[in-house]
């Protein structure tokens, strides 16, 4: 089992992260904490793993890493090496799994966060809904619009959300969700930005 993660998130309880992740690992395949369907289904690459000898020892696994080249553009990296990675391994017959199950209550929560973030006009919302053109839940980035869900399950938060909050989430709610030691870790990870959340 090979687990890979990058520096785009902060973890406030590593033991919880791994305990919860391992609970969702079963059959051989590629696993991730979360996924997205834009432009098609793929594992989000901030935390993912490959489980099973037949995958890790395969020529397809070796070929994927050998053909990679450094890229400087973030969107190009996402397209080629996040979305592209899932696409590559699916073509090689590898199954993709996410360890975060989303309940109906979670879906409502994510959609509510999305609506709040764009401050959509109520009449426009009714018009969109009537034409069934509302966003599918799985194209919304759960690390932003479902950040509370990931935090409660894994004790993780994306740094982009904390430092820049591009989707205008109500991250001040963290004040009521973390304990003293976690607060100190968060302060260390965020620096001066920390005070904007806890002392608005």
N, C-alpha and C. Protein backbone atom coordinates (compact mmCIF):
# COMPACT_ATOMS: atom_id res chain seq x y z
N UNK A 1 0.86 -1.18 0.00
CA UNK A 1 0.00 0.00 0.00
C UNK A 1 0.90 1.23 0.00
N UNK A 2 0.83 2.03 -1.04
CA UNK A 2 1.62 3.25 -1.15
C UNK A 2 0.67 4.45 -1.03
N UNK A 3 0.92 5.29 -0.04
CA UNK A 3 0.09 6.48 0.19
C UNK A 3 0.88 7.72 -0.18
N UNK A 4 0.25 8.62 -0.92
CA UNK A 4 0.90 9.86 -1.34
C UNK A 4 0.04 11.05 -0.93
N UNK A 5 0.71 12.09 -0.49
CA UNK A 5 -0.01 13.30 -0.11
C UNK A 5 0.87 14.50 -0.38
N UNK A 6 0.27 15.66 -0.59
CA UNK A 6 1.07 16.86 -0.85
C UNK A 6 0.92 17.86 0.29
N UNK A 7 1.47 19.02 0.11
CA UNK A 7 1.51 20.03 1.19
C UNK A 7 0.40 21.06 1.07
N UNK A 8 -0.68 20.71 0.36
CA UNK A 8 -1.76 21.68 0.14
C UNK A 8 -2.81 21.67 1.25
N UNK A 9 -2.62 20.84 2.28
CA UNK A 9 -3.59 20.80 3.37
C UNK A 9 -2.88 20.69 4.70
N UNK A 10 -3.59 21.06 5.75
CA UNK A 10 -3.08 20.91 7.11
C UNK A 10 -3.92 19.86 7.81
N UNK A 11 -3.25 18.99 8.56
CA UNK A 11 -3.94 17.94 9.31
C UNK A 11 -3.79 18.23 10.80
N UNK A 12 -4.91 18.31 11.49
CA UNK A 12 -4.91 18.63 12.92
C UNK A 12 -5.00 17.39 13.81
N UNK A 13 -5.12 16.21 13.19
CA UNK A 13 -5.15 14.97 13.96
C UNK A 13 -4.74 13.82 13.03
N UNK A 14 -3.44 13.61 12.82
CA UNK A 14 -2.96 12.58 11.90
C UNK A 14 -3.50 11.17 12.20
N UNK A 15 -3.59 10.83 13.48
CA UNK A 15 -4.09 9.50 13.84
C UNK A 15 -5.51 9.30 13.32
N UNK A 16 -6.34 10.31 13.48
CA UNK A 16 -7.72 10.22 12.99
C UNK A 16 -7.76 10.12 11.47
N UNK A 17 -6.92 10.91 10.80
CA UNK A 17 -6.88 10.89 9.34
C UNK A 17 -6.62 9.47 8.84
N UNK A 18 -5.60 8.81 9.37
CA UNK A 18 -5.24 7.49 8.87
C UNK A 18 -6.22 6.41 9.32
N UNK A 19 -6.72 6.52 10.53
CA UNK A 19 -7.72 5.54 10.98
C UNK A 19 -8.95 5.56 10.08
N UNK A 20 -9.45 6.76 9.80
CA UNK A 20 -10.64 6.89 8.97
C UNK A 20 -10.38 6.49 7.53
N UNK A 21 -9.18 6.82 7.03
CA UNK A 21 -8.84 6.45 5.66
C UNK A 21 -8.78 4.94 5.50
N UNK A 22 -8.07 4.26 6.42
CA UNK A 22 -7.90 2.81 6.30
C UNK A 22 -9.23 2.06 6.41
N UNK A 23 -10.20 2.66 7.12
CA UNK A 23 -11.52 2.03 7.21
C UNK A 23 -12.18 1.89 5.84
N UNK A 24 -11.82 2.78 4.93
CA UNK A 24 -12.45 2.78 3.60
C UNK A 24 -11.69 1.98 2.56
N UNK A 25 -10.56 1.37 2.94
CA UNK A 25 -9.74 0.62 1.98
C UNK A 25 -10.07 -0.86 2.06
N UNK A 26 -10.37 -1.45 0.91
CA UNK A 26 -10.73 -2.86 0.87
C UNK A 26 -10.11 -3.58 -0.31
N UNK A 27 -10.77 -3.51 -1.45
CA UNK A 27 -10.28 -4.18 -2.66
C UNK A 27 -9.07 -3.45 -3.23
N UNK A 28 -8.31 -4.14 -4.05
CA UNK A 28 -7.17 -3.51 -4.72
C UNK A 28 -7.66 -2.38 -5.62
N UNK A 29 -6.91 -1.28 -5.64
CA UNK A 29 -7.29 -0.16 -6.50
C UNK A 29 -6.59 1.12 -6.10
N UNK A 30 -7.03 2.20 -6.70
CA UNK A 30 -6.54 3.53 -6.37
C UNK A 30 -7.57 4.20 -5.48
N UNK A 31 -7.12 4.76 -4.36
CA UNK A 31 -8.02 5.36 -3.38
C UNK A 31 -7.71 6.84 -3.18
N UNK A 32 -8.73 7.59 -2.82
CA UNK A 32 -8.54 8.99 -2.46
C UNK A 32 -9.52 9.38 -1.38
N UNK A 33 -9.19 10.43 -0.65
CA UNK A 33 -10.14 10.93 0.35
C UNK A 33 -11.39 11.48 -0.33
N UNK A 34 -11.19 12.11 -1.50
CA UNK A 34 -12.32 12.72 -2.19
C UNK A 34 -12.11 12.66 -3.70
N UNK A 35 -13.17 12.94 -4.43
CA UNK A 35 -13.13 12.89 -5.89
C UNK A 35 -13.94 14.06 -6.46
N UNK A 36 -13.90 14.18 -7.77
CA UNK A 36 -14.65 15.24 -8.45
C UNK A 36 -15.05 14.72 -9.83
N UNK A 37 -16.15 15.24 -10.37
CA UNK A 37 -16.62 14.80 -11.69
C UNK A 37 -16.43 15.85 -12.78
N UNK A 38 -15.62 16.87 -12.51
CA UNK A 38 -15.38 17.90 -13.52
C UNK A 38 -13.93 17.77 -14.02
N UNK A 39 -13.67 17.51 -15.30
CA UNK A 39 -14.69 17.31 -16.35
C UNK A 39 -15.25 15.89 -16.36
N UNK A 40 -14.55 14.94 -15.69
CA UNK A 40 -15.08 13.59 -15.50
C UNK A 40 -14.49 13.04 -14.21
N UNK A 41 -15.00 11.90 -13.77
CA UNK A 41 -14.63 11.38 -12.45
C UNK A 41 -13.13 11.20 -12.30
N UNK A 42 -12.58 11.74 -11.21
CA UNK A 42 -11.16 11.54 -10.90
C UNK A 42 -10.93 11.70 -9.40
N UNK A 43 -9.88 11.06 -8.94
CA UNK A 43 -9.46 11.16 -7.54
C UNK A 43 -8.70 12.47 -7.36
N UNK A 44 -9.04 13.23 -6.31
CA UNK A 44 -8.29 14.45 -6.03
C UNK A 44 -6.94 14.08 -5.42
N UNK A 45 -5.89 14.76 -5.88
CA UNK A 45 -4.53 14.26 -5.65
C UNK A 45 -3.83 14.82 -4.42
N UNK A 46 -4.53 15.52 -3.53
CA UNK A 46 -3.86 15.99 -2.32
C UNK A 46 -3.58 14.85 -1.35
N UNK A 47 -4.38 13.75 -1.46
CA UNK A 47 -4.17 12.56 -0.64
C UNK A 47 -4.77 11.38 -1.39
N UNK A 48 -3.90 10.46 -1.82
CA UNK A 48 -4.40 9.30 -2.56
C UNK A 48 -3.43 8.13 -2.33
N UNK A 49 -3.87 6.94 -2.73
CA UNK A 49 -3.01 5.78 -2.52
C UNK A 49 -3.28 4.71 -3.56
N UNK A 50 -2.32 3.79 -3.66
CA UNK A 50 -2.48 2.60 -4.49
C UNK A 50 -2.36 1.38 -3.57
N UNK A 51 -3.36 0.53 -3.64
CA UNK A 51 -3.41 -0.63 -2.75
C UNK A 51 -3.43 -1.91 -3.56
N UNK A 52 -2.44 -2.77 -3.32
CA UNK A 52 -2.40 -4.08 -3.98
C UNK A 52 -1.12 -4.30 -4.77
N UNK A 53 -0.52 -5.47 -4.59
CA UNK A 53 0.73 -5.80 -5.28
C UNK A 53 0.58 -5.80 -6.79
N UNK A 54 -0.55 -6.31 -7.27
CA UNK A 54 -0.72 -6.43 -8.73
C UNK A 54 -0.70 -5.07 -9.40
N UNK A 55 -1.09 -4.01 -8.67
CA UNK A 55 -1.06 -2.65 -9.22
C UNK A 55 0.34 -2.05 -9.06
N UNK A 56 0.87 -2.08 -7.85
CA UNK A 56 2.14 -1.42 -7.55
C UNK A 56 3.30 -2.06 -8.31
N UNK A 57 3.22 -3.37 -8.57
CA UNK A 57 4.30 -4.05 -9.28
C UNK A 57 4.06 -4.15 -10.78
N UNK A 58 3.01 -3.51 -11.26
CA UNK A 58 2.68 -3.60 -12.69
C UNK A 58 3.53 -2.65 -13.53
N UNK A 59 3.64 -2.94 -14.82
CA UNK A 59 4.35 -2.06 -15.74
C UNK A 59 3.59 -0.75 -15.92
N UNK A 60 2.26 -0.79 -15.80
CA UNK A 60 1.45 0.42 -15.94
C UNK A 60 1.77 1.41 -14.83
N UNK A 61 1.98 0.91 -13.63
CA UNK A 61 2.32 1.78 -12.50
C UNK A 61 3.68 2.42 -12.73
N UNK A 62 4.65 1.62 -13.15
CA UNK A 62 6.00 2.12 -13.41
C UNK A 62 5.98 3.13 -14.56
N UNK A 63 5.25 2.81 -15.62
CA UNK A 63 5.20 3.68 -16.80
C UNK A 63 4.62 5.05 -16.47
N UNK A 64 3.62 5.08 -15.60
CA UNK A 64 2.99 6.37 -15.25
C UNK A 64 4.00 7.34 -14.65
N UNK A 65 4.78 6.87 -13.70
CA UNK A 65 5.74 7.75 -13.02
C UNK A 65 6.92 8.11 -13.92
N UNK A 66 7.30 7.17 -14.78
CA UNK A 66 8.46 7.44 -15.64
C UNK A 66 8.16 8.47 -16.73
N UNK A 67 6.90 8.57 -17.16
CA UNK A 67 6.58 9.49 -18.25
C UNK A 67 6.28 10.91 -17.76
N UNK A 68 6.28 11.13 -16.44
CA UNK A 68 5.97 12.46 -15.91
C UNK A 68 7.13 13.42 -16.13
N UNK A 69 6.81 14.67 -16.41
CA UNK A 69 7.81 15.74 -16.54
C UNK A 69 7.36 16.92 -15.68
N UNK A 70 8.28 17.73 -15.15
CA UNK A 70 7.90 18.87 -14.32
C UNK A 70 7.08 19.90 -15.09
N UNK A 71 6.04 20.40 -14.45
CA UNK A 71 5.20 21.45 -15.03
C UNK A 71 5.10 22.60 -14.03
N UNK A 72 4.96 23.81 -14.53
CA UNK A 72 4.91 24.99 -13.65
C UNK A 72 3.52 25.59 -13.51
N UNK A 73 2.62 25.28 -14.45
CA UNK A 73 1.28 25.85 -14.45
C UNK A 73 0.33 24.95 -13.67
N UNK A 74 -0.35 25.52 -12.66
CA UNK A 74 -1.19 24.72 -11.78
C UNK A 74 -2.32 24.02 -12.53
N UNK A 75 -3.02 24.74 -13.41
CA UNK A 75 -4.13 24.14 -14.14
C UNK A 75 -3.65 23.02 -15.07
N UNK A 76 -2.48 23.20 -15.63
CA UNK A 76 -1.91 22.17 -16.49
C UNK A 76 -1.55 20.93 -15.67
N UNK A 77 -1.04 21.16 -14.46
CA UNK A 77 -0.71 20.05 -13.56
C UNK A 77 -1.96 19.27 -13.19
N UNK A 78 -3.03 19.99 -12.87
CA UNK A 78 -4.31 19.34 -12.51
C UNK A 78 -4.82 18.52 -13.69
N UNK A 79 -4.78 19.13 -14.87
CA UNK A 79 -5.30 18.44 -16.06
C UNK A 79 -4.48 17.20 -16.41
N UNK A 80 -3.14 17.35 -16.39
CA UNK A 80 -2.28 16.26 -16.83
C UNK A 80 -2.04 15.21 -15.75
N UNK A 81 -1.86 15.66 -14.50
CA UNK A 81 -1.37 14.73 -13.48
C UNK A 81 -2.34 14.46 -12.32
N UNK A 82 -3.47 15.15 -12.28
CA UNK A 82 -4.52 14.77 -11.34
C UNK A 82 -5.63 14.07 -12.12
N UNK A 83 -6.27 14.80 -13.01
CA UNK A 83 -7.31 14.19 -13.85
C UNK A 83 -6.70 13.11 -14.72
N UNK A 84 -5.52 13.42 -15.28
CA UNK A 84 -4.85 12.47 -16.16
C UNK A 84 -4.45 11.18 -15.47
N UNK A 85 -4.08 11.26 -14.19
CA UNK A 85 -3.68 10.06 -13.45
C UNK A 85 -4.85 9.09 -13.31
N UNK A 86 -6.01 9.60 -12.91
CA UNK A 86 -7.18 8.73 -12.79
C UNK A 86 -7.53 8.11 -14.13
N UNK A 87 -7.50 8.92 -15.18
CA UNK A 87 -7.81 8.43 -16.52
C UNK A 87 -6.84 7.33 -16.94
N UNK A 88 -5.56 7.53 -16.67
CA UNK A 88 -4.53 6.55 -17.04
C UNK A 88 -4.79 5.20 -16.36
N UNK A 89 -5.04 5.23 -15.06
CA UNK A 89 -5.17 3.96 -14.34
C UNK A 89 -6.50 3.27 -14.63
N UNK A 90 -7.53 4.03 -14.91
CA UNK A 90 -8.80 3.41 -15.33
C UNK A 90 -8.59 2.64 -16.63
N UNK A 91 -7.84 3.23 -17.56
CA UNK A 91 -7.55 2.58 -18.84
C UNK A 91 -6.72 1.31 -18.64
N UNK A 92 -5.96 1.26 -17.54
CA UNK A 92 -5.16 0.07 -17.24
C UNK A 92 -5.94 -0.97 -16.44
N UNK A 93 -7.23 -0.69 -16.22
CA UNK A 93 -8.08 -1.65 -15.52
C UNK A 93 -8.07 -1.52 -14.01
N UNK A 94 -7.54 -0.40 -13.49
CA UNK A 94 -7.49 -0.18 -12.04
C UNK A 94 -8.79 0.49 -11.58
N UNK A 95 -9.38 -0.01 -10.52
CA UNK A 95 -10.61 0.57 -9.98
C UNK A 95 -10.29 1.78 -9.12
N UNK A 96 -11.16 2.80 -9.17
CA UNK A 96 -11.00 4.01 -8.36
C UNK A 96 -12.02 4.02 -7.23
N UNK A 97 -11.56 4.39 -6.03
CA UNK A 97 -12.44 4.43 -4.86
C UNK A 97 -12.19 5.72 -4.06
N UNK A 98 -13.25 6.25 -3.46
CA UNK A 98 -13.10 7.34 -2.50
C UNK A 98 -13.57 6.83 -1.14
N UNK A 99 -12.89 7.28 -0.09
CA UNK A 99 -13.21 6.80 1.25
C UNK A 99 -14.22 7.68 1.97
N UNK A 100 -14.65 8.76 1.32
CA UNK A 100 -15.63 9.66 1.93
C UNK A 100 -16.99 9.43 1.29
N UNK A 101 -17.90 8.89 2.07
CA UNK A 101 -19.27 8.70 1.58
C UNK A 101 -20.07 9.96 1.90
N UNK A 102 -20.85 10.39 0.94
CA UNK A 102 -21.64 11.62 1.08
C UNK A 102 -23.11 11.26 1.25
N UNK A 103 -23.67 11.60 2.41
CA UNK A 103 -25.08 11.33 2.69
C UNK A 103 -25.96 12.41 2.06
N UNK A 104 -27.26 12.18 2.09
CA UNK A 104 -28.20 13.19 1.58
C UNK A 104 -28.06 14.48 2.38
N UNK A 105 -27.88 14.35 3.68
CA UNK A 105 -27.69 15.52 4.54
C UNK A 105 -26.43 16.28 4.13
N UNK A 106 -25.35 15.54 3.82
CA UNK A 106 -24.11 16.16 3.37
C UNK A 106 -24.31 16.90 2.05
N UNK A 107 -25.07 16.28 1.13
CA UNK A 107 -25.33 16.90 -0.17
C UNK A 107 -26.05 18.23 0.01
N UNK A 108 -27.02 18.25 0.88
CA UNK A 108 -27.76 19.49 1.14
C UNK A 108 -26.82 20.53 1.72
N UNK A 109 -25.93 20.10 2.60
CA UNK A 109 -24.96 21.01 3.22
C UNK A 109 -24.03 21.60 2.17
N UNK A 110 -23.53 20.77 1.25
CA UNK A 110 -22.62 21.23 0.21
C UNK A 110 -23.32 22.21 -0.73
N UNK A 111 -24.55 21.87 -1.12
CA UNK A 111 -25.31 22.75 -2.02
C UNK A 111 -25.59 24.08 -1.34
N UNK A 112 -25.91 24.04 -0.05
CA UNK A 112 -26.15 25.28 0.70
C UNK A 112 -24.90 26.15 0.73
N UNK A 113 -23.75 25.53 0.96
CA UNK A 113 -22.48 26.27 0.94
C UNK A 113 -22.23 26.89 -0.43
N UNK A 114 -22.59 26.15 -1.47
CA UNK A 114 -22.41 26.65 -2.84
C UNK A 114 -23.30 27.86 -3.09
N UNK A 115 -24.56 27.74 -2.73
CA UNK A 115 -25.51 28.84 -2.93
C UNK A 115 -25.08 30.08 -2.15
N UNK A 116 -24.68 29.87 -0.92
CA UNK A 116 -24.22 31.00 -0.09
C UNK A 116 -22.98 31.67 -0.68
N UNK A 117 -22.12 30.87 -1.32
CA UNK A 117 -20.87 31.41 -1.85
C UNK A 117 -21.09 32.33 -3.04
N UNK A 118 -22.13 32.05 -3.83
CA UNK A 118 -22.37 32.89 -5.00
C UNK A 118 -23.47 33.92 -4.77
N UNK A 119 -24.11 33.84 -3.60
CA UNK A 119 -25.16 34.78 -3.23
C UNK A 119 -26.18 34.93 -4.38
N UNK A 120 -26.64 33.78 -4.82
CA UNK A 120 -27.51 33.73 -5.99
C UNK A 120 -28.89 34.33 -5.68
N UNK A 121 -29.45 35.03 -6.63
CA UNK A 121 -30.78 35.60 -6.51
C UNK A 121 -31.81 34.48 -6.43
N UNK A 122 -32.76 34.57 -5.50
CA UNK A 122 -33.74 33.52 -5.28
C UNK A 122 -34.55 33.22 -6.53
N UNK A 123 -34.97 34.25 -7.27
CA UNK A 123 -35.75 34.03 -8.49
C UNK A 123 -34.94 33.30 -9.55
N UNK A 124 -33.65 33.64 -9.63
CA UNK A 124 -32.79 32.97 -10.59
C UNK A 124 -32.61 31.51 -10.20
N UNK A 125 -32.48 31.24 -8.89
CA UNK A 125 -32.34 29.88 -8.41
C UNK A 125 -33.56 29.05 -8.80
N UNK A 126 -34.76 29.61 -8.62
CA UNK A 126 -35.99 28.89 -8.99
C UNK A 126 -36.02 28.58 -10.48
N UNK A 127 -35.54 29.54 -11.28
CA UNK A 127 -35.53 29.36 -12.73
C UNK A 127 -34.57 28.24 -13.14
N UNK A 128 -33.39 28.24 -12.52
CA UNK A 128 -32.40 27.20 -12.81
C UNK A 128 -32.92 25.84 -12.39
N UNK A 129 -33.51 25.80 -11.19
CA UNK A 129 -34.02 24.53 -10.65
C UNK A 129 -35.14 23.97 -11.52
N UNK A 130 -36.02 24.85 -12.01
CA UNK A 130 -37.15 24.41 -12.82
C UNK A 130 -36.68 23.80 -14.14
N UNK A 131 -35.53 24.23 -14.62
CA UNK A 131 -34.99 23.70 -15.87
C UNK A 131 -34.01 22.55 -15.64
N UNK A 132 -33.86 22.17 -14.37
CA UNK A 132 -32.98 21.06 -13.99
C UNK A 132 -31.54 21.28 -14.49
N UNK A 133 -31.11 22.54 -14.44
CA UNK A 133 -29.75 22.84 -14.86
C UNK A 133 -28.85 23.15 -13.67
N UNK A 134 -29.32 22.78 -12.49
CA UNK A 134 -28.54 23.04 -11.29
C UNK A 134 -27.28 22.18 -11.30
N UNK A 135 -26.20 22.68 -10.74
CA UNK A 135 -24.94 21.95 -10.67
C UNK A 135 -25.15 20.57 -10.07
N UNK A 136 -24.54 19.56 -10.67
CA UNK A 136 -24.50 18.25 -10.04
C UNK A 136 -23.57 18.34 -8.85
N UNK A 137 -23.96 17.73 -7.76
CA UNK A 137 -23.21 17.81 -6.51
C UNK A 137 -21.76 17.39 -6.68
N UNK A 138 -21.49 16.43 -7.57
CA UNK A 138 -20.15 15.86 -7.67
C UNK A 138 -19.19 16.69 -8.51
N UNK A 139 -19.64 17.81 -9.05
CA UNK A 139 -18.70 18.69 -9.75
C UNK A 139 -18.23 19.81 -8.82
N UNK A 140 -18.80 19.89 -7.64
CA UNK A 140 -18.38 20.89 -6.66
C UNK A 140 -17.20 20.34 -5.86
N UNK A 141 -16.21 21.18 -5.64
CA UNK A 141 -15.00 20.76 -4.93
C UNK A 141 -15.31 20.60 -3.44
N UNK A 142 -15.30 19.35 -2.99
CA UNK A 142 -15.68 19.06 -1.60
C UNK A 142 -14.69 19.66 -0.60
N UNK A 143 -13.44 19.88 -1.01
CA UNK A 143 -12.47 20.46 -0.08
C UNK A 143 -12.79 21.92 0.25
N UNK A 144 -13.67 22.53 -0.56
CA UNK A 144 -14.15 23.88 -0.27
C UNK A 144 -15.60 23.84 0.19
N UNK A 145 -16.48 23.35 -0.67
CA UNK A 145 -17.91 23.39 -0.38
C UNK A 145 -18.35 22.36 0.66
N UNK A 146 -17.51 21.36 0.90
CA UNK A 146 -17.80 20.37 1.93
C UNK A 146 -16.71 20.30 2.97
N UNK A 147 -16.06 21.42 3.22
CA UNK A 147 -14.90 21.43 4.12
C UNK A 147 -15.24 20.94 5.53
N UNK A 148 -16.46 21.24 6.01
CA UNK A 148 -16.85 20.80 7.35
C UNK A 148 -16.92 19.27 7.42
N UNK A 149 -17.36 18.65 6.32
CA UNK A 149 -17.49 17.19 6.27
C UNK A 149 -16.12 16.53 6.37
N UNK A 150 -15.17 17.03 5.58
CA UNK A 150 -13.81 16.48 5.61
C UNK A 150 -13.12 16.75 6.94
N UNK A 151 -13.40 17.91 7.52
CA UNK A 151 -12.76 18.23 8.80
C UNK A 151 -13.28 17.31 9.90
N UNK A 152 -14.59 17.11 9.93
CA UNK A 152 -15.16 16.26 10.98
C UNK A 152 -14.69 14.81 10.85
N UNK A 153 -14.52 14.32 9.61
CA UNK A 153 -14.13 12.92 9.43
C UNK A 153 -12.62 12.72 9.55
N UNK A 154 -11.83 13.62 8.95
CA UNK A 154 -10.38 13.40 8.88
C UNK A 154 -9.54 14.44 9.63
N UNK A 155 -10.15 15.50 10.11
CA UNK A 155 -9.42 16.60 10.77
C UNK A 155 -8.43 17.28 9.82
N UNK A 156 -8.84 17.46 8.55
CA UNK A 156 -7.98 18.14 7.59
C UNK A 156 -8.68 19.38 7.04
N UNK A 157 -7.87 20.33 6.58
CA UNK A 157 -8.37 21.56 5.96
C UNK A 157 -7.41 21.96 4.85
N UNK A 158 -7.94 22.33 3.70
CA UNK A 158 -7.08 22.79 2.61
C UNK A 158 -6.54 24.17 2.94
N UNK A 159 -5.24 24.37 2.70
CA UNK A 159 -4.61 25.65 2.98
C UNK A 159 -5.16 26.77 2.09
N UNK A 160 -5.52 26.44 0.86
CA UNK A 160 -6.10 27.44 -0.04
C UNK A 160 -7.38 28.00 0.56
N UNK A 161 -8.17 27.13 1.14
CA UNK A 161 -9.41 27.56 1.79
C UNK A 161 -9.11 28.48 2.97
N UNK A 162 -8.14 28.11 3.77
CA UNK A 162 -7.81 28.89 4.96
C UNK A 162 -7.17 30.22 4.63
N UNK A 163 -6.24 30.22 3.69
CA UNK A 163 -5.45 31.41 3.41
C UNK A 163 -6.11 32.38 2.43
N UNK A 164 -6.89 31.83 1.48
CA UNK A 164 -7.46 32.69 0.44
C UNK A 164 -8.99 32.62 0.36
N UNK A 165 -9.56 31.51 0.78
CA UNK A 165 -11.02 31.31 0.78
C UNK A 165 -11.67 31.80 -0.52
N UNK A 166 -11.24 31.26 -1.67
CA UNK A 166 -11.75 31.75 -2.95
C UNK A 166 -13.24 31.50 -3.19
N UNK A 167 -13.83 30.56 -2.45
CA UNK A 167 -15.24 30.26 -2.63
C UNK A 167 -16.11 30.86 -1.52
N UNK A 168 -15.51 31.74 -0.72
CA UNK A 168 -16.25 32.53 0.29
C UNK A 168 -17.01 31.65 1.28
N UNK A 169 -16.31 30.68 1.85
CA UNK A 169 -16.92 29.81 2.84
C UNK A 169 -16.89 30.45 4.24
N UNK A 170 -17.78 29.99 5.10
CA UNK A 170 -17.89 30.55 6.45
C UNK A 170 -16.90 29.84 7.39
N UNK A 171 -15.60 30.05 7.12
CA UNK A 171 -14.60 29.32 7.88
C UNK A 171 -14.43 29.84 9.31
N UNK A 172 -15.09 30.95 9.64
CA UNK A 172 -15.07 31.40 11.03
C UNK A 172 -15.73 30.37 11.94
N UNK A 173 -16.50 29.45 11.36
CA UNK A 173 -17.13 28.39 12.15
C UNK A 173 -16.11 27.48 12.82
N UNK A 174 -14.87 27.54 12.33
CA UNK A 174 -13.80 26.73 12.93
C UNK A 174 -13.63 27.03 14.41
N UNK A 175 -13.94 28.25 14.79
CA UNK A 175 -13.79 28.65 16.19
C UNK A 175 -14.51 27.70 17.14
N UNK A 176 -15.60 27.12 16.65
CA UNK A 176 -16.43 26.26 17.50
C UNK A 176 -16.16 24.77 17.24
N UNK A 177 -15.16 24.47 16.38
CA UNK A 177 -14.94 23.09 15.97
C UNK A 177 -13.59 22.53 16.40
N UNK A 178 -12.68 23.39 16.89
CA UNK A 178 -11.35 22.90 17.23
C UNK A 178 -11.02 23.13 18.70
N UNK A 179 -10.07 22.33 19.20
CA UNK A 179 -9.65 22.46 20.60
C UNK A 179 -8.36 23.29 20.68
N UNK A 180 -7.83 23.44 21.87
CA UNK A 180 -6.65 24.27 22.09
C UNK A 180 -5.42 23.86 21.29
N UNK A 181 -5.00 22.58 21.39
CA UNK A 181 -3.83 22.14 20.62
C UNK A 181 -4.01 22.30 19.11
N UNK A 182 -5.22 22.02 18.61
CA UNK A 182 -5.50 22.19 17.19
C UNK A 182 -5.43 23.66 16.80
N UNK A 183 -5.88 24.51 17.69
CA UNK A 183 -5.83 25.94 17.44
C UNK A 183 -4.38 26.41 17.28
N UNK A 184 -3.49 25.87 18.09
CA UNK A 184 -2.08 26.24 17.99
C UNK A 184 -1.46 25.74 16.69
N UNK A 185 -1.82 24.52 16.27
CA UNK A 185 -1.33 23.98 15.00
C UNK A 185 -1.81 24.83 13.82
N UNK A 186 -3.08 25.23 13.89
CA UNK A 186 -3.66 26.04 12.82
C UNK A 186 -2.99 27.41 12.75
N UNK A 187 -2.71 27.96 13.89
CA UNK A 187 -2.03 29.25 13.95
C UNK A 187 -0.64 29.16 13.33
N UNK A 188 0.05 28.06 13.61
CA UNK A 188 1.38 27.84 13.04
C UNK A 188 1.32 27.69 11.53
N UNK A 189 0.28 27.02 11.02
CA UNK A 189 0.15 26.78 9.58
C UNK A 189 -0.26 28.04 8.82
N UNK A 190 -1.05 28.89 9.45
CA UNK A 190 -1.64 30.03 8.76
C UNK A 190 -0.89 31.35 8.96
N UNK A 191 -0.17 31.48 10.06
CA UNK A 191 0.50 32.74 10.34
C UNK A 191 -0.50 33.85 10.61
N UNK A 192 -0.27 35.02 10.04
CA UNK A 192 -1.11 36.19 10.30
C UNK A 192 -2.56 36.00 9.86
N UNK A 193 -2.78 35.16 8.84
CA UNK A 193 -4.15 34.93 8.34
C UNK A 193 -5.04 34.32 9.42
N UNK A 194 -4.41 33.62 10.35
CA UNK A 194 -5.14 32.98 11.44
C UNK A 194 -6.01 33.98 12.20
N UNK A 195 -5.48 35.17 12.44
CA UNK A 195 -6.17 36.16 13.25
C UNK A 195 -7.40 36.73 12.53
N UNK A 196 -7.41 36.65 11.19
CA UNK A 196 -8.56 37.16 10.45
C UNK A 196 -9.77 36.24 10.64
N UNK A 197 -9.52 34.98 10.92
CA UNK A 197 -10.62 34.04 11.16
C UNK A 197 -11.10 34.12 12.60
N UNK A 198 -10.15 34.13 13.52
CA UNK A 198 -10.52 34.03 14.94
C UNK A 198 -10.69 35.39 15.62
N UNK A 199 -10.33 36.44 14.93
CA UNK A 199 -10.57 37.78 15.46
C UNK A 199 -11.06 38.70 14.33
N UNK A 200 -12.25 38.38 13.76
CA UNK A 200 -12.75 39.17 12.61
C UNK A 200 -13.08 40.60 13.01
